[in-house]
Amino acid sequence: MKLMRVGLAMTLLMTITVLTIVTAQQEDQQPPPPMLPVEEVGMCSRTFFSALVQLIPCRAAVAPFSPIPPTESCCSAVVALGRPCLCLLANGPPLSGIDRSMALQLPQRCFANFPPCDVIN
């Protein structure tokens, strides 16, 4: 029961964070400047929001101090999303409830066949 509450709380927190980002972007009416080389950003056909939504199955595996390995659905999402979109997310704004270093390990933990992302601070 407690685990279900934690999962529900994490989902709610992630949803609020995503909605905050989307609202801020809509208010600006300008896309944020890319933080990756233009050639890599151009290869991701998704928006930050849609890429983030696709990785919802990975939320338990990237929670701070989580011992939970990525699920099969998480790994499928990682592979389907691909390196350019993952790197776009990795270099995006910080997200509450997401451990960026654990998120950056998803391709390796899911045995995806692409190199790790370069994180630009």
N, C-alpha and C. Protein backbone atom coordinates (compact mmCIF):
# COMPACT_ATOMS: atom_id res chain seq x y z
N MET A 1 0.82 -1.18 0.00
CA MET A 1 0.00 0.00 0.00
C MET A 1 0.87 1.25 0.00
N LYS A 2 1.90 1.24 0.86
CA LYS A 2 2.79 2.40 0.93
C LYS A 2 3.53 2.59 -0.39
N LEU A 3 3.94 1.49 -1.05
CA LEU A 3 4.63 1.57 -2.32
C LEU A 3 3.72 2.18 -3.40
N MET A 4 2.42 1.84 -3.35
CA MET A 4 1.47 2.42 -4.31
C MET A 4 1.34 3.92 -4.09
N ARG A 5 1.33 4.35 -2.83
CA ARG A 5 1.23 5.78 -2.54
C ARG A 5 2.46 6.52 -3.03
N VAL A 6 3.63 5.91 -2.84
CA VAL A 6 4.87 6.54 -3.30
C VAL A 6 4.85 6.65 -4.82
N GLY A 7 4.44 5.58 -5.50
CA GLY A 7 4.36 5.61 -6.96
C GLY A 7 3.37 6.65 -7.45
N LEU A 8 2.23 6.75 -6.80
CA LEU A 8 1.23 7.74 -7.16
C LEU A 8 1.76 9.15 -6.92
N ALA A 9 2.44 9.34 -5.81
CA ALA A 9 3.02 10.65 -5.50
C ALA A 9 4.08 11.03 -6.53
N MET A 10 4.91 10.07 -6.94
CA MET A 10 5.94 10.35 -7.95
C MET A 10 5.30 10.69 -9.28
N THR A 11 4.25 9.97 -9.66
CA THR A 11 3.56 10.25 -10.91
C THR A 11 2.95 11.64 -10.87
N LEU A 12 2.32 11.99 -9.77
CA LEU A 12 1.72 13.31 -9.62
C LEU A 12 2.79 14.40 -9.68
N LEU A 13 3.89 14.19 -9.00
CA LEU A 13 4.98 15.17 -9.00
C LEU A 13 5.56 15.34 -10.40
N MET A 14 5.74 14.24 -11.11
CA MET A 14 6.27 14.32 -12.47
C MET A 14 5.29 15.05 -13.39
N THR A 15 4.00 14.79 -13.24
CA THR A 15 2.99 15.46 -14.04
C THR A 15 2.99 16.96 -13.78
N ILE A 16 3.06 17.35 -12.51
CA ILE A 16 3.09 18.76 -12.16
C ILE A 16 4.33 19.42 -12.75
N THR A 17 5.47 18.76 -12.66
CA THR A 17 6.71 19.31 -13.21
C THR A 17 6.60 19.49 -14.71
N VAL A 18 6.08 18.48 -15.40
CA VAL A 18 5.93 18.56 -16.85
C VAL A 18 4.98 19.69 -17.22
N LEU A 19 3.86 19.80 -16.53
CA LEU A 19 2.90 20.87 -16.83
C LEU A 19 3.51 22.23 -16.58
N THR A 20 4.33 22.37 -15.55
CA THR A 20 5.00 23.63 -15.27
C THR A 20 5.93 24.01 -16.41
N ILE A 21 6.69 23.04 -16.90
CA ILE A 21 7.61 23.30 -18.01
C ILE A 21 6.84 23.68 -19.27
N VAL A 22 5.79 22.94 -19.58
CA VAL A 22 5.00 23.21 -20.77
C VAL A 22 4.36 24.59 -20.68
N THR A 23 3.81 24.93 -19.54
CA THR A 23 3.18 26.23 -19.35
C THR A 23 4.19 27.35 -19.53
N ALA A 24 5.37 27.19 -18.97
CA ALA A 24 6.42 28.21 -19.09
C ALA A 24 6.83 28.38 -20.55
N GLN A 25 6.95 27.28 -21.28
CA GLN A 25 7.32 27.37 -22.69
C GLN A 25 6.23 28.02 -23.50
N GLN A 26 4.97 27.74 -23.19
CA GLN A 26 3.87 28.34 -23.93
C GLN A 26 3.78 29.84 -23.66
N GLU A 27 4.08 30.25 -22.44
CA GLU A 27 4.04 31.67 -22.12
C GLU A 27 5.11 32.43 -22.88
N ASP A 28 6.28 31.84 -23.04
CA ASP A 28 7.37 32.49 -23.76
C ASP A 28 7.11 32.53 -25.26
N GLN A 29 6.37 31.57 -25.79
CA GLN A 29 6.09 31.43 -27.21
C GLN A 29 7.36 31.33 -28.05
N GLN A 30 8.45 31.01 -27.41
CA GLN A 30 9.70 30.77 -28.11
C GLN A 30 10.29 29.48 -27.58
N PRO A 31 10.80 28.67 -28.49
CA PRO A 31 11.43 27.45 -27.99
C PRO A 31 12.71 27.81 -27.24
N PRO A 32 13.04 27.05 -26.20
CA PRO A 32 14.29 27.33 -25.50
C PRO A 32 15.47 27.08 -26.42
N PRO A 33 16.54 27.80 -26.23
CA PRO A 33 17.70 27.57 -27.09
C PRO A 33 18.24 26.16 -26.88
N PRO A 34 18.66 25.49 -27.94
CA PRO A 34 19.18 24.13 -27.78
C PRO A 34 20.45 24.15 -26.95
N MET A 35 20.58 23.11 -26.12
CA MET A 35 21.77 22.98 -25.30
C MET A 35 22.73 21.96 -25.88
N LEU A 36 22.33 21.33 -26.95
CA LEU A 36 23.18 20.37 -27.64
C LEU A 36 23.53 20.92 -29.01
N PRO A 37 24.52 20.38 -29.65
CA PRO A 37 24.80 20.82 -31.01
C PRO A 37 23.55 20.70 -31.87
N VAL A 38 23.35 21.66 -32.76
CA VAL A 38 22.14 21.71 -33.58
C VAL A 38 21.90 20.42 -34.33
N GLU A 39 22.97 19.77 -34.80
CA GLU A 39 22.77 18.54 -35.56
C GLU A 39 22.16 17.43 -34.70
N GLU A 40 22.45 17.40 -33.40
CA GLU A 40 21.85 16.37 -32.53
C GLU A 40 20.43 16.74 -32.16
N VAL A 41 20.18 18.00 -31.88
CA VAL A 41 18.82 18.43 -31.53
C VAL A 41 17.89 18.19 -32.71
N GLY A 42 18.37 18.48 -33.91
CA GLY A 42 17.56 18.30 -35.10
C GLY A 42 17.18 16.86 -35.35
N MET A 43 17.94 15.92 -34.81
CA MET A 43 17.66 14.50 -35.02
C MET A 43 16.54 13.99 -34.12
N CYS A 44 16.17 14.76 -33.10
CA CYS A 44 15.08 14.36 -32.21
C CYS A 44 13.80 15.00 -32.74
N SER A 45 12.87 14.17 -33.16
CA SER A 45 11.63 14.68 -33.76
C SER A 45 10.55 14.95 -32.72
N ARG A 46 10.87 14.80 -31.45
CA ARG A 46 9.89 15.01 -30.39
C ARG A 46 10.19 16.29 -29.63
N THR A 47 9.16 16.80 -28.96
CA THR A 47 9.37 17.93 -28.07
C THR A 47 9.88 17.40 -26.73
N PHE A 48 10.38 18.28 -25.91
CA PHE A 48 10.84 17.90 -24.59
C PHE A 48 9.71 17.19 -23.84
N PHE A 49 8.52 17.75 -23.88
CA PHE A 49 7.37 17.18 -23.18
C PHE A 49 7.02 15.78 -23.68
N SER A 50 6.93 15.61 -25.00
CA SER A 50 6.53 14.29 -25.51
C SER A 50 7.60 13.24 -25.25
N ALA A 51 8.89 13.64 -25.29
CA ALA A 51 9.96 12.70 -24.96
C ALA A 51 9.88 12.30 -23.49
N LEU A 52 9.59 13.27 -22.64
CA LEU A 52 9.48 12.99 -21.21
C LEU A 52 8.31 12.05 -20.92
N VAL A 53 7.20 12.28 -21.57
CA VAL A 53 6.02 11.43 -21.38
C VAL A 53 6.32 10.00 -21.81
N GLN A 54 7.07 9.84 -22.90
CA GLN A 54 7.39 8.50 -23.38
C GLN A 54 8.22 7.73 -22.36
N LEU A 55 8.97 8.44 -21.52
CA LEU A 55 9.81 7.77 -20.53
C LEU A 55 9.13 7.57 -19.17
N ILE A 56 7.85 7.79 -19.08
CA ILE A 56 7.13 7.58 -17.81
C ILE A 56 7.33 6.16 -17.27
N PRO A 57 7.40 5.12 -18.12
CA PRO A 57 7.64 3.78 -17.56
C PRO A 57 8.97 3.66 -16.80
N CYS A 58 9.86 4.63 -16.97
CA CYS A 58 11.18 4.58 -16.33
C CYS A 58 11.21 5.32 -14.99
N ARG A 59 10.11 5.91 -14.57
CA ARG A 59 10.15 6.79 -13.40
C ARG A 59 10.66 6.09 -12.13
N ALA A 60 10.30 4.83 -11.93
CA ALA A 60 10.77 4.13 -10.72
C ALA A 60 12.27 3.86 -10.77
N ALA A 61 12.80 3.65 -11.97
CA ALA A 61 14.22 3.32 -12.12
C ALA A 61 15.13 4.55 -12.01
N VAL A 62 14.56 5.75 -12.11
CA VAL A 62 15.38 6.96 -12.06
C VAL A 62 15.08 7.83 -10.84
N ALA A 63 14.28 7.30 -9.94
CA ALA A 63 14.00 8.03 -8.70
C ALA A 63 15.27 8.05 -7.84
N PRO A 64 15.50 9.14 -7.12
CA PRO A 64 16.71 9.19 -6.28
C PRO A 64 16.81 7.98 -5.34
N PHE A 65 17.97 7.37 -5.30
CA PHE A 65 18.29 6.23 -4.43
C PHE A 65 17.43 4.99 -4.72
N SER A 66 16.90 4.88 -5.92
CA SER A 66 16.03 3.75 -6.26
C SER A 66 16.85 2.50 -6.55
N PRO A 67 16.51 1.38 -5.91
CA PRO A 67 17.18 0.12 -6.22
C PRO A 67 16.47 -0.64 -7.34
N ILE A 68 15.41 -0.05 -7.89
CA ILE A 68 14.58 -0.74 -8.88
C ILE A 68 15.24 -0.68 -10.26
N PRO A 69 15.46 -1.83 -10.89
CA PRO A 69 16.04 -1.82 -12.24
C PRO A 69 14.99 -1.37 -13.27
N PRO A 70 15.43 -0.91 -14.43
CA PRO A 70 14.46 -0.52 -15.45
C PRO A 70 13.66 -1.73 -15.93
N THR A 71 12.39 -1.51 -16.16
CA THR A 71 11.51 -2.58 -16.63
C THR A 71 11.68 -2.78 -18.13
N GLU A 72 11.07 -3.82 -18.63
CA GLU A 72 11.11 -4.08 -20.07
C GLU A 72 10.44 -2.93 -20.84
N SER A 73 9.33 -2.41 -20.31
CA SER A 73 8.65 -1.30 -21.00
C SER A 73 9.50 -0.03 -20.95
N CYS A 74 10.26 0.17 -19.88
CA CYS A 74 11.17 1.29 -19.79
C CYS A 74 12.25 1.17 -20.85
N CYS A 75 12.87 0.01 -20.93
CA CYS A 75 13.94 -0.20 -21.90
C CYS A 75 13.44 -0.08 -23.34
N SER A 76 12.23 -0.54 -23.59
CA SER A 76 11.65 -0.37 -24.93
C SER A 76 11.48 1.11 -25.25
N ALA A 77 11.06 1.89 -24.26
CA ALA A 77 10.90 3.33 -24.46
C ALA A 77 12.25 4.00 -24.70
N VAL A 78 13.27 3.58 -23.97
CA VAL A 78 14.62 4.15 -24.14
C VAL A 78 15.12 3.89 -25.56
N VAL A 79 14.98 2.67 -26.03
CA VAL A 79 15.45 2.31 -27.37
C VAL A 79 14.63 3.04 -28.43
N ALA A 80 13.31 3.10 -28.25
CA ALA A 80 12.45 3.78 -29.23
C ALA A 80 12.74 5.28 -29.28
N LEU A 81 13.02 5.86 -28.15
CA LEU A 81 13.28 7.30 -28.10
C LEU A 81 14.60 7.63 -28.78
N GLY A 82 15.62 6.84 -28.53
CA GLY A 82 16.91 7.04 -29.18
C GLY A 82 17.80 8.04 -28.47
N ARG A 83 19.06 8.03 -28.85
CA ARG A 83 20.07 8.86 -28.21
C ARG A 83 19.80 10.36 -28.33
N PRO A 84 19.47 10.92 -29.51
CA PRO A 84 19.29 12.37 -29.59
C PRO A 84 18.21 12.90 -28.63
N CYS A 85 17.09 12.19 -28.53
CA CYS A 85 16.03 12.65 -27.63
C CYS A 85 16.41 12.46 -26.17
N LEU A 86 17.08 11.36 -25.86
CA LEU A 86 17.54 11.15 -24.48
C LEU A 86 18.53 12.24 -24.07
N CYS A 87 19.42 12.58 -24.98
CA CYS A 87 20.40 13.62 -24.67
C CYS A 87 19.73 14.98 -24.53
N LEU A 88 18.70 15.22 -25.31
CA LEU A 88 17.93 16.47 -25.17
C LEU A 88 17.31 16.54 -23.78
N LEU A 89 16.75 15.44 -23.31
CA LEU A 89 16.18 15.39 -21.96
C LEU A 89 17.26 15.53 -20.90
N ALA A 90 18.38 14.86 -21.10
CA ALA A 90 19.46 14.89 -20.11
C ALA A 90 20.03 16.29 -19.93
N ASN A 91 19.96 17.08 -20.98
CA ASN A 91 20.49 18.44 -20.91
C ASN A 91 19.40 19.48 -20.72
N GLY A 92 18.19 19.02 -20.46
CA GLY A 92 17.07 19.94 -20.21
C GLY A 92 17.08 20.41 -18.77
N PRO A 93 16.00 21.09 -18.39
CA PRO A 93 15.92 21.60 -17.02
C PRO A 93 15.86 20.46 -16.01
N PRO A 94 16.33 20.70 -14.78
CA PRO A 94 16.24 19.65 -13.76
C PRO A 94 14.78 19.32 -13.45
N LEU A 95 14.53 18.06 -13.18
CA LEU A 95 13.17 17.60 -12.87
C LEU A 95 13.14 17.04 -11.46
N SER A 96 12.21 17.49 -10.69
CA SER A 96 12.06 17.02 -9.31
C SER A 96 11.71 15.53 -9.31
N GLY A 97 12.39 14.77 -8.46
CA GLY A 97 12.11 13.35 -8.34
C GLY A 97 12.86 12.50 -9.35
N ILE A 98 13.74 13.13 -10.14
CA ILE A 98 14.52 12.40 -11.14
C ILE A 98 16.00 12.57 -10.83
N ASP A 99 16.69 11.46 -10.68
CA ASP A 99 18.14 11.48 -10.47
C ASP A 99 18.78 11.45 -11.86
N ARG A 100 19.35 12.58 -12.27
CA ARG A 100 19.90 12.72 -13.61
C ARG A 100 20.98 11.68 -13.90
N SER A 101 21.83 11.37 -12.93
CA SER A 101 22.89 10.39 -13.18
C SER A 101 22.29 9.00 -13.40
N MET A 102 21.22 8.67 -12.69
CA MET A 102 20.57 7.37 -12.91
C MET A 102 19.89 7.34 -14.29
N ALA A 103 19.31 8.48 -14.67
CA ALA A 103 18.66 8.57 -15.98
C ALA A 103 19.69 8.41 -17.10
N LEU A 104 20.87 8.97 -16.90
CA LEU A 104 21.93 8.86 -17.92
C LEU A 104 22.45 7.43 -18.05
N GLN A 105 22.22 6.60 -17.05
CA GLN A 105 22.65 5.20 -17.09
C GLN A 105 21.63 4.28 -17.76
N LEU A 106 20.45 4.80 -18.08
CA LEU A 106 19.40 3.96 -18.67
C LEU A 106 19.85 3.24 -19.94
N PRO A 107 20.50 3.91 -20.90
CA PRO A 107 20.90 3.16 -22.10
C PRO A 107 21.80 1.97 -21.78
N GLN A 108 22.74 2.16 -20.87
CA GLN A 108 23.64 1.07 -20.49
C GLN A 108 22.88 -0.03 -19.75
N ARG A 109 22.00 0.38 -18.83
CA ARG A 109 21.25 -0.60 -18.04
C ARG A 109 20.23 -1.35 -18.89
N CYS A 110 19.81 -0.73 -20.00
CA CYS A 110 18.84 -1.36 -20.90
C CYS A 110 19.51 -2.05 -22.09
N PHE A 111 20.85 -2.05 -22.09
CA PHE A 111 21.62 -2.66 -23.17
C PHE A 111 21.28 -2.04 -24.52
N ALA A 112 21.01 -0.73 -24.52
CA ALA A 112 20.78 0.00 -25.77
C ALA A 112 22.13 0.18 -26.46
N ASN A 113 22.13 0.12 -27.74
CA ASN A 113 23.39 0.16 -28.48
C ASN A 113 23.69 1.58 -28.97
N PHE A 114 23.83 2.53 -28.02
CA PHE A 114 24.29 3.85 -28.41
C PHE A 114 25.13 4.45 -27.28
N PRO A 115 26.05 5.34 -27.65
CA PRO A 115 26.98 5.90 -26.66
C PRO A 115 26.26 6.78 -25.66
N PRO A 116 26.89 7.02 -24.50
CA PRO A 116 26.26 7.87 -23.50
C PRO A 116 26.17 9.32 -23.98
N CYS A 117 25.28 10.05 -23.35
CA CYS A 117 25.07 11.47 -23.69
C CYS A 117 26.18 12.32 -23.08
N ASP A 118 26.53 13.37 -23.79
CA ASP A 118 27.41 14.39 -23.25
C ASP A 118 26.53 15.37 -22.49
N VAL A 119 26.80 15.57 -21.22
CA VAL A 119 26.01 16.48 -20.41
C VAL A 119 26.68 17.84 -20.42
N ILE A 120 25.91 18.83 -20.81
CA ILE A 120 26.40 20.20 -20.86
C ILE A 120 25.85 20.95 -19.66
N ASN A 121 26.72 21.42 -18.80
CA ASN A 121 26.27 22.13 -17.59
C ASN A 121 26.07 23.59 -17.85
